[in-house]
Amino acid sequence: MTDYTIFNKDITKLKNLRKKIFPKEEKMKNNFVIPNFIAATKGDLDGEIDLTWEPVPNAYIYVIQMSFDNKRNSKWEQVDIIDKSSYTINKLKSGKKYKFRVAAVNSKGQGPWSEEVSKSAT
């Protein structure tokens, strides 16, 4: 998995689309907010982990990263970029422990990463 950089023109496109769908939301401040209450739970199927977090006001998308939890300075890999505050990661190795973090993206760019959460796949 590769780390992707979000470009300002993509953020502008998303912002304009979001204005059409949620016009009142534009009155909110565009401060960076860290996704809170991130949780990793067992998914419905073997090899799945469900991630959930509290939606961030004014966030257009979220960037999800994953790392193996066996090293202190392990490498983070991008899992996906989504527009919801929940995500199911699948095809994980049973018994292996993983770490996850999430960042919200608004009109000013990507905010700070959430706290890391760990979970073993079953």
N, C-alpha and C. Protein backbone atom coordinates (compact mmCIF):
# COMPACT_ATOMS: atom_id res chain seq x y z
N MET A 1 0.83 -1.17 0.00
CA MET A 1 0.00 0.00 0.00
C MET A 1 0.88 1.24 0.00
N THR A 2 0.44 2.25 -0.67
CA THR A 2 1.24 3.44 -0.88
C THR A 2 0.63 4.64 -0.18
N ASP A 3 1.48 5.52 0.33
CA ASP A 3 1.00 6.78 0.91
C ASP A 3 0.67 7.73 -0.24
N TYR A 4 -0.50 8.33 -0.21
CA TYR A 4 -0.89 9.29 -1.23
C TYR A 4 -0.97 10.68 -0.62
N THR A 5 -0.61 11.66 -1.42
CA THR A 5 -0.73 13.05 -0.98
C THR A 5 -2.02 13.61 -1.56
N ILE A 6 -2.76 14.31 -0.73
CA ILE A 6 -4.00 14.92 -1.17
C ILE A 6 -3.67 16.32 -1.70
N PHE A 7 -4.04 16.59 -2.91
CA PHE A 7 -3.73 17.88 -3.51
C PHE A 7 -4.86 18.86 -3.27
N ASN A 8 -4.50 20.15 -3.22
CA ASN A 8 -5.48 21.20 -2.95
C ASN A 8 -6.61 21.23 -3.95
N LYS A 9 -6.33 20.94 -5.23
CA LYS A 9 -7.40 20.97 -6.22
C LYS A 9 -8.42 19.87 -5.94
N ASP A 10 -7.97 18.73 -5.44
CA ASP A 10 -8.91 17.66 -5.07
C ASP A 10 -9.76 18.09 -3.88
N ILE A 11 -9.15 18.77 -2.93
CA ILE A 11 -9.88 19.25 -1.76
C ILE A 11 -10.92 20.28 -2.20
N THR A 12 -10.54 21.15 -3.14
CA THR A 12 -11.49 22.16 -3.64
C THR A 12 -12.68 21.50 -4.32
N LYS A 13 -12.44 20.48 -5.11
CA LYS A 13 -13.53 19.75 -5.77
C LYS A 13 -14.46 19.13 -4.73
N LEU A 14 -13.87 18.50 -3.73
CA LEU A 14 -14.67 17.88 -2.67
C LEU A 14 -15.43 18.93 -1.88
N LYS A 15 -14.81 20.06 -1.62
CA LYS A 15 -15.47 21.13 -0.87
C LYS A 15 -16.69 21.65 -1.64
N ASN A 16 -16.53 21.86 -2.94
CA ASN A 16 -17.65 22.34 -3.75
C ASN A 16 -18.79 21.32 -3.79
N LEU A 17 -18.45 20.05 -3.91
CA LEU A 17 -19.46 19.00 -3.89
C LEU A 17 -20.16 18.97 -2.53
N ARG A 18 -19.39 19.09 -1.47
CA ARG A 18 -19.94 19.06 -0.12
C ARG A 18 -20.89 20.25 0.11
N LYS A 19 -20.56 21.43 -0.44
CA LYS A 19 -21.41 22.62 -0.31
C LYS A 19 -22.80 22.36 -0.89
N LYS A 20 -22.85 21.65 -2.01
CA LYS A 20 -24.12 21.35 -2.65
C LYS A 20 -24.95 20.40 -1.80
N ILE A 21 -24.27 19.45 -1.16
CA ILE A 21 -24.98 18.43 -0.37
C ILE A 21 -25.33 18.96 1.02
N PHE A 22 -24.40 19.68 1.66
CA PHE A 22 -24.59 20.17 3.02
C PHE A 22 -24.32 21.67 3.08
N PRO A 23 -25.21 22.50 2.58
CA PRO A 23 -24.93 23.94 2.51
C PRO A 23 -24.71 24.62 3.86
N LYS A 24 -25.37 24.20 4.92
CA LYS A 24 -25.22 24.85 6.23
C LYS A 24 -23.87 24.56 6.85
N GLU A 25 -23.24 23.47 6.48
CA GLU A 25 -21.97 23.08 7.07
C GLU A 25 -20.87 24.10 6.81
N GLU A 26 -20.96 24.86 5.74
CA GLU A 26 -19.93 25.83 5.40
C GLU A 26 -19.82 26.94 6.44
N LYS A 27 -20.81 27.12 7.30
CA LYS A 27 -20.77 28.15 8.34
C LYS A 27 -19.85 27.74 9.49
N MET A 28 -19.49 26.48 9.55
CA MET A 28 -18.62 26.00 10.62
C MET A 28 -17.19 26.43 10.34
N LYS A 29 -16.36 26.52 11.38
CA LYS A 29 -14.96 26.88 11.22
C LYS A 29 -14.20 25.71 10.63
N ASN A 30 -13.14 26.02 9.89
CA ASN A 30 -12.33 24.99 9.26
C ASN A 30 -11.10 24.63 10.09
N ASN A 31 -11.25 24.53 11.38
CA ASN A 31 -10.14 24.15 12.24
C ASN A 31 -9.83 22.67 12.08
N PHE A 32 -8.57 22.32 12.33
CA PHE A 32 -8.21 20.91 12.31
C PHE A 32 -8.69 20.26 13.60
N VAL A 33 -9.34 19.14 13.47
CA VAL A 33 -9.80 18.39 14.62
C VAL A 33 -9.33 16.96 14.47
N ILE A 34 -8.84 16.40 15.55
CA ILE A 34 -8.38 15.02 15.53
C ILE A 34 -9.58 14.10 15.72
N PRO A 35 -9.71 13.06 14.90
CA PRO A 35 -10.80 12.11 15.11
C PRO A 35 -10.71 11.51 16.52
N ASN A 36 -11.84 11.54 17.25
CA ASN A 36 -11.89 11.04 18.62
C ASN A 36 -12.61 9.71 18.71
N PHE A 37 -12.38 9.04 19.82
CA PHE A 37 -13.07 7.80 20.16
C PHE A 37 -12.93 6.75 19.07
N ILE A 38 -11.72 6.65 18.52
CA ILE A 38 -11.49 5.62 17.51
C ILE A 38 -11.49 4.26 18.20
N ALA A 39 -12.17 3.31 17.59
CA ALA A 39 -12.27 1.97 18.16
C ALA A 39 -12.02 0.94 17.06
N ALA A 40 -11.34 -0.14 17.43
CA ALA A 40 -11.12 -1.27 16.53
C ALA A 40 -11.78 -2.49 17.16
N THR A 41 -12.70 -3.09 16.45
CA THR A 41 -13.43 -4.26 16.95
C THR A 41 -13.40 -5.38 15.93
N LYS A 42 -13.72 -6.59 16.41
CA LYS A 42 -13.76 -7.76 15.54
C LYS A 42 -14.82 -7.55 14.46
N GLY A 43 -14.47 -7.86 13.23
CA GLY A 43 -15.42 -7.76 12.13
C GLY A 43 -16.38 -8.93 12.10
N ASP A 44 -17.28 -8.92 11.17
CA ASP A 44 -18.27 -10.00 11.03
C ASP A 44 -17.64 -11.29 10.54
N LEU A 45 -16.58 -11.21 9.76
CA LEU A 45 -15.94 -12.39 9.19
C LEU A 45 -14.52 -12.53 9.71
N ASP A 46 -13.95 -13.72 9.61
CA ASP A 46 -12.56 -13.93 9.98
C ASP A 46 -11.67 -13.04 9.12
N GLY A 47 -10.64 -12.48 9.74
CA GLY A 47 -9.71 -11.62 9.02
C GLY A 47 -10.21 -10.20 8.84
N GLU A 48 -11.29 -9.83 9.53
CA GLU A 48 -11.82 -8.47 9.43
C GLU A 48 -11.70 -7.73 10.77
N ILE A 49 -11.41 -6.44 10.68
CA ILE A 49 -11.44 -5.55 11.83
C ILE A 49 -12.25 -4.32 11.43
N ASP A 50 -13.22 -3.96 12.27
CA ASP A 50 -14.05 -2.79 12.03
C ASP A 50 -13.47 -1.60 12.78
N LEU A 51 -13.32 -0.48 12.10
CA LEU A 51 -12.87 0.77 12.71
C LEU A 51 -14.04 1.74 12.74
N THR A 52 -14.21 2.43 13.86
CA THR A 52 -15.23 3.48 13.98
C THR A 52 -14.62 4.63 14.77
N TRP A 53 -15.13 5.84 14.49
CA TRP A 53 -14.68 7.02 15.22
C TRP A 53 -15.78 8.06 15.14
N GLU A 54 -15.68 9.05 16.02
CA GLU A 54 -16.66 10.14 16.02
C GLU A 54 -16.42 11.02 14.80
N PRO A 55 -17.48 11.33 14.04
CA PRO A 55 -17.29 12.18 12.86
C PRO A 55 -16.70 13.54 13.25
N VAL A 56 -15.84 14.05 12.39
CA VAL A 56 -15.21 15.34 12.62
C VAL A 56 -15.99 16.41 11.86
N PRO A 57 -16.46 17.47 12.56
CA PRO A 57 -17.16 18.54 11.86
C PRO A 57 -16.29 19.13 10.75
N ASN A 58 -16.88 19.35 9.60
CA ASN A 58 -16.21 19.96 8.46
C ASN A 58 -15.20 19.07 7.76
N ALA A 59 -15.13 17.81 8.12
CA ALA A 59 -14.23 16.89 7.42
C ALA A 59 -14.90 16.41 6.15
N TYR A 60 -14.16 16.44 5.05
CA TYR A 60 -14.69 15.97 3.78
C TYR A 60 -14.39 14.49 3.58
N ILE A 61 -13.18 14.11 4.01
CA ILE A 61 -12.75 12.73 3.88
C ILE A 61 -11.85 12.36 5.07
N TYR A 62 -11.60 11.07 5.19
CA TYR A 62 -10.71 10.55 6.23
C TYR A 62 -9.65 9.67 5.57
N VAL A 63 -8.43 9.76 6.09
CA VAL A 63 -7.33 8.92 5.62
C VAL A 63 -7.08 7.88 6.71
N ILE A 64 -7.07 6.61 6.32
CA ILE A 64 -6.86 5.51 7.27
C ILE A 64 -5.51 4.87 7.00
N GLN A 65 -4.75 4.67 8.06
CA GLN A 65 -3.46 3.99 7.96
C GLN A 65 -3.41 2.80 8.90
N MET A 66 -2.58 1.82 8.53
CA MET A 66 -2.43 0.59 9.30
C MET A 66 -0.94 0.26 9.42
N SER A 67 -0.59 -0.39 10.52
CA SER A 67 0.77 -0.83 10.74
C SER A 67 0.74 -2.15 11.51
N PHE A 68 1.77 -2.96 11.32
CA PHE A 68 1.88 -4.16 12.15
C PHE A 68 2.31 -3.70 13.54
N ASP A 69 1.74 -4.30 14.56
CA ASP A 69 1.98 -3.85 15.93
C ASP A 69 3.17 -4.55 16.58
N ASN A 70 4.09 -5.08 15.77
CA ASN A 70 5.19 -5.83 16.36
C ASN A 70 6.48 -5.02 16.48
N LYS A 71 6.48 -3.78 16.02
CA LYS A 71 7.67 -2.94 16.12
C LYS A 71 7.30 -1.59 16.71
N ARG A 72 8.22 -1.04 17.48
CA ARG A 72 7.95 0.27 18.07
C ARG A 72 7.88 1.36 17.00
N ASN A 73 8.77 1.34 16.06
CA ASN A 73 8.81 2.34 14.98
C ASN A 73 8.39 1.71 13.66
N SER A 74 7.27 1.06 13.65
CA SER A 74 6.84 0.36 12.45
C SER A 74 6.37 1.34 11.38
N LYS A 75 6.41 0.87 10.15
CA LYS A 75 6.03 1.68 8.99
C LYS A 75 4.50 1.70 8.85
N TRP A 76 3.95 2.89 8.61
CA TRP A 76 2.52 3.04 8.39
C TRP A 76 2.22 2.93 6.90
N GLU A 77 1.14 2.23 6.59
CA GLU A 77 0.69 2.08 5.21
C GLU A 77 -0.72 2.61 5.09
N GLN A 78 -0.97 3.31 3.99
CA GLN A 78 -2.32 3.82 3.77
C GLN A 78 -3.25 2.69 3.37
N VAL A 79 -4.39 2.62 4.03
CA VAL A 79 -5.39 1.61 3.74
C VAL A 79 -6.40 2.14 2.73
N ASP A 80 -6.91 3.35 2.99
CA ASP A 80 -7.94 3.90 2.12
C ASP A 80 -8.18 5.36 2.46
N ILE A 81 -8.91 6.03 1.58
CA ILE A 81 -9.42 7.38 1.80
C ILE A 81 -10.92 7.29 1.61
N ILE A 82 -11.68 7.67 2.65
CA ILE A 82 -13.13 7.47 2.61
C ILE A 82 -13.86 8.72 3.09
N ASP A 83 -15.18 8.72 2.93
CA ASP A 83 -15.96 9.88 3.39
C ASP A 83 -16.93 9.52 4.51
N LYS A 84 -16.71 8.39 5.18
CA LYS A 84 -17.55 7.96 6.31
C LYS A 84 -16.69 7.85 7.55
N SER A 85 -17.33 7.71 8.72
CA SER A 85 -16.57 7.58 9.97
C SER A 85 -16.55 6.13 10.47
N SER A 86 -16.55 5.22 9.53
CA SER A 86 -16.37 3.80 9.86
C SER A 86 -15.81 3.08 8.65
N TYR A 87 -15.12 1.97 8.91
CA TYR A 87 -14.47 1.26 7.82
C TYR A 87 -14.17 -0.17 8.27
N THR A 88 -14.32 -1.12 7.38
CA THR A 88 -13.96 -2.51 7.65
C THR A 88 -12.74 -2.86 6.83
N ILE A 89 -11.71 -3.32 7.53
CA ILE A 89 -10.49 -3.77 6.88
C ILE A 89 -10.56 -5.29 6.83
N ASN A 90 -10.34 -5.86 5.65
CA ASN A 90 -10.44 -7.32 5.51
C ASN A 90 -9.14 -7.91 4.99
N LYS A 91 -9.14 -9.21 4.86
CA LYS A 91 -7.97 -9.97 4.39
C LYS A 91 -6.77 -9.84 5.32
N LEU A 92 -7.05 -9.72 6.63
CA LEU A 92 -5.98 -9.65 7.62
C LEU A 92 -5.63 -11.06 8.09
N LYS A 93 -4.39 -11.25 8.52
CA LYS A 93 -3.95 -12.57 8.98
C LYS A 93 -4.44 -12.83 10.40
N SER A 94 -5.10 -13.95 10.58
CA SER A 94 -5.63 -14.33 11.89
C SER A 94 -4.50 -14.44 12.91
N GLY A 95 -4.73 -13.89 14.11
CA GLY A 95 -3.75 -13.95 15.18
C GLY A 95 -2.72 -12.83 15.13
N LYS A 96 -2.65 -12.09 14.06
CA LYS A 96 -1.68 -11.00 13.92
C LYS A 96 -2.28 -9.71 14.48
N LYS A 97 -1.47 -8.95 15.21
CA LYS A 97 -1.93 -7.71 15.80
C LYS A 97 -1.59 -6.54 14.89
N TYR A 98 -2.55 -5.63 14.72
CA TYR A 98 -2.41 -4.47 13.85
C TYR A 98 -2.68 -3.19 14.62
N LYS A 99 -2.06 -2.09 14.16
CA LYS A 99 -2.34 -0.76 14.70
C LYS A 99 -3.01 0.05 13.61
N PHE A 100 -3.90 0.97 14.03
CA PHE A 100 -4.63 1.81 13.09
C PHE A 100 -4.64 3.25 13.59
N ARG A 101 -4.72 4.19 12.64
CA ARG A 101 -4.91 5.60 12.96
C ARG A 101 -5.67 6.25 11.81
N VAL A 102 -6.32 7.39 12.13
CA VAL A 102 -7.17 8.08 11.16
C VAL A 102 -6.87 9.57 11.22
N ALA A 103 -6.91 10.23 10.07
CA ALA A 103 -6.79 11.69 10.01
C ALA A 103 -7.95 12.24 9.20
N ALA A 104 -8.48 13.36 9.64
CA ALA A 104 -9.56 14.03 8.91
C ALA A 104 -8.96 15.04 7.95
N VAL A 105 -9.63 15.24 6.82
CA VAL A 105 -9.20 16.22 5.82
C VAL A 105 -10.33 17.22 5.63
N ASN A 106 -10.00 18.51 5.73
CA ASN A 106 -10.99 19.55 5.46
C ASN A 106 -10.43 20.50 4.41
N SER A 107 -11.01 21.65 4.25
CA SER A 107 -10.59 22.57 3.19
C SER A 107 -9.17 23.10 3.37
N LYS A 108 -8.61 22.98 4.57
CA LYS A 108 -7.24 23.45 4.81
C LYS A 108 -6.21 22.34 4.63
N GLY A 109 -6.67 21.12 4.45
CA GLY A 109 -5.75 20.00 4.26
C GLY A 109 -5.97 18.92 5.31
N GLN A 110 -4.98 18.07 5.45
CA GLN A 110 -5.07 16.96 6.39
C GLN A 110 -4.70 17.41 7.79
N GLY A 111 -5.50 17.00 8.77
CA GLY A 111 -5.22 17.32 10.16
C GLY A 111 -4.32 16.28 10.80
N PRO A 112 -4.11 16.38 12.11
CA PRO A 112 -3.26 15.44 12.83
C PRO A 112 -3.86 14.04 12.88
N TRP A 113 -3.02 13.07 13.12
CA TRP A 113 -3.48 11.68 13.25
C TRP A 113 -4.17 11.48 14.59
N SER A 114 -5.14 10.57 14.60
CA SER A 114 -5.82 10.17 15.82
C SER A 114 -4.86 9.38 16.69
N GLU A 115 -5.31 9.06 17.88
CA GLU A 115 -4.56 8.12 18.70
C GLU A 115 -4.55 6.78 17.98
N GLU A 116 -3.51 6.01 18.20
CA GLU A 116 -3.44 4.69 17.60
C GLU A 116 -4.29 3.71 18.40
N VAL A 117 -4.93 2.79 17.70
CA VAL A 117 -5.63 1.69 18.36
C VAL A 117 -5.08 0.39 17.82
N SER A 118 -5.06 -0.63 18.66
CA SER A 118 -4.53 -1.94 18.26
C SER A 118 -5.60 -2.99 18.37
N LYS A 119 -5.52 -3.99 17.49
CA LYS A 119 -6.47 -5.10 17.52
C LYS A 119 -5.85 -6.27 16.79
N SER A 120 -6.08 -7.47 17.32
CA SER A 120 -5.65 -8.69 16.64
C SER A 120 -6.78 -9.21 15.77
N ALA A 121 -6.42 -9.64 14.57
CA ALA A 121 -7.42 -10.24 13.68
C ALA A 121 -7.72 -11.66 14.16
N THR A 122 -8.95 -12.08 13.94
CA THR A 122 -9.34 -13.45 14.32
C THR A 122 -9.61 -14.29 13.10
